Structures are given as structure tokens and as C-alpha cells.
Amino acid sequence: MYRKALPEGHHEIARCLNNLAVLYKNQERCDEAEPLFLRALEMWLKALPEGHPDIVRCRNNLATLYRSKEGLL
């Protein structure tokens, strides 16, 4: 719904992608989560200043995903 109502790259779309990726990661669907995290991060990097909490959170989510894929968590 957001994709129809908001312009491409809007930060709320990025938030939804990130939240869906978190759900997929929690369901151990890491291969589906990774591209969503990456797309959300890309959108936030274009829309927000470096160091913004959403950017930091998304990078942390990606790091957690990568650690779990390598069996470190």
C-alpha cells in the first residue's frame, strides 16, 4: 500500500522493508531478509544523513543477519 501512496524511496517504505526483513530473519528466512535489508539501507542512505538512527539500526540488523548465517549467533 505504501508503494502506491508514497514516492519511490520514501523513508516509510524503507521502514516497512526493514521490518519485513526482521520478520524473515526471525523466521530463519535469511536469504529473503538480506535483499530487503539492503534495499532499506540504500533508501535510507539516500534520504537521511549518515549516522541517523534508522541507518544505524539497519546496519546492525544486517550484521546480525550475517552473523547468524555464519553460525555465530
Protein backbone atom coordinates (compact mmCIF):
# COMPACT_ATOMS: atom_id res chain seq x y z
CA MET A 1 0.00 0.00 0.00
CA TYR A 2 2.82 2.43 0.86
CA ARG A 3 4.41 1.85 -2.53
CA LYS A 4 1.25 3.17 -4.19
CA ALA A 5 0.71 6.08 -1.81
CA LEU A 6 4.29 7.30 -1.31
CA PRO A 7 7.03 8.29 -3.76
CA GLU A 8 9.78 5.78 -4.58
CA GLY A 9 12.50 5.86 -1.95
CA HIS A 10 10.30 7.31 0.81
CA HIS A 11 11.65 6.56 4.28
CA GLU A 12 8.39 4.85 5.35
CA ILE A 13 8.79 2.33 2.54
CA ALA A 14 12.31 1.67 3.80
CA ARG A 15 10.94 1.19 7.32
CA CYS A 16 8.42 -1.38 6.07
CA LEU A 17 11.11 -3.24 4.13
CA ASN A 18 13.33 -3.30 7.20
CA ASN A 19 10.50 -4.56 9.41
CA LEU A 20 9.63 -7.31 6.93
CA ALA A 21 13.30 -8.29 6.76
CA VAL A 22 13.41 -8.55 10.56
CA LEU A 23 10.40 -10.84 10.46
CA TYR A 24 12.03 -13.01 7.79
CA LYS A 25 15.27 -13.16 9.78
CA ASN A 26 13.39 -14.22 12.90
CA GLN A 27 11.75 -16.96 10.84
CA GLU A 28 15.23 -18.02 9.67
CA ARG A 29 14.43 -16.95 6.10
CA CYS A 30 17.78 -15.19 5.81
CA ASP A 31 18.04 -15.39 2.03
CA GLU A 32 14.77 -13.46 1.76
CA ALA A 33 15.69 -10.99 4.50
CA GLU A 34 19.05 -9.89 3.14
CA PRO A 35 17.86 -8.11 -0.05
CA LEU A 36 15.16 -6.31 1.94
CA PHE A 37 17.68 -5.03 4.47
CA LEU A 38 19.98 -3.92 1.64
CA ARG A 39 17.18 -2.10 -0.19
CA ALA A 40 16.04 -0.36 3.00
CA LEU A 41 19.60 0.68 3.76
CA GLU A 42 20.06 2.03 0.23
CA MET A 43 16.87 4.07 0.51
CA TRP A 44 17.79 5.48 3.92
CA LEU A 45 21.31 6.37 2.79
CA LYS A 46 19.79 8.48 0.02
CA ALA A 47 17.18 10.13 2.24
CA LEU A 48 18.84 10.56 5.64
CA PRO A 49 22.14 11.91 6.96
CA GLU A 50 24.89 9.44 7.84
CA GLY A 51 24.57 8.30 11.43
CA HIS A 52 20.78 8.60 11.51
CA PRO A 53 19.30 6.02 13.91
CA ASP A 54 17.42 4.24 11.10
CA ILE A 55 20.67 3.77 9.16
CA VAL A 56 22.50 2.55 12.25
CA ARG A 57 19.66 0.16 13.13
CA CYS A 58 19.54 -1.28 9.62
CA ARG A 59 23.30 -1.82 9.54
CA ASN A 60 23.04 -3.55 12.90
CA ASN A 61 20.23 -5.74 11.58
CA LEU A 62 22.39 -6.69 8.59
CA ALA A 63 25.34 -7.50 10.83
CA THR A 64 23.15 -9.70 12.99
CA LEU A 65 21.83 -11.45 9.90
CA TYR A 66 25.35 -12.12 8.60
CA ARG A 67 26.49 -13.43 11.99
CA SER A 68 23.52 -15.78 12.17
CA LYS A 69 24.17 -17.02 8.61
CA GLU A 70 27.73 -17.87 9.63
CA GLY A 71 26.55 -19.66 12.75
CA LEU A 72 28.00 -17.07 15.10
CA LEU A 73 24.70 -16.44 16.91
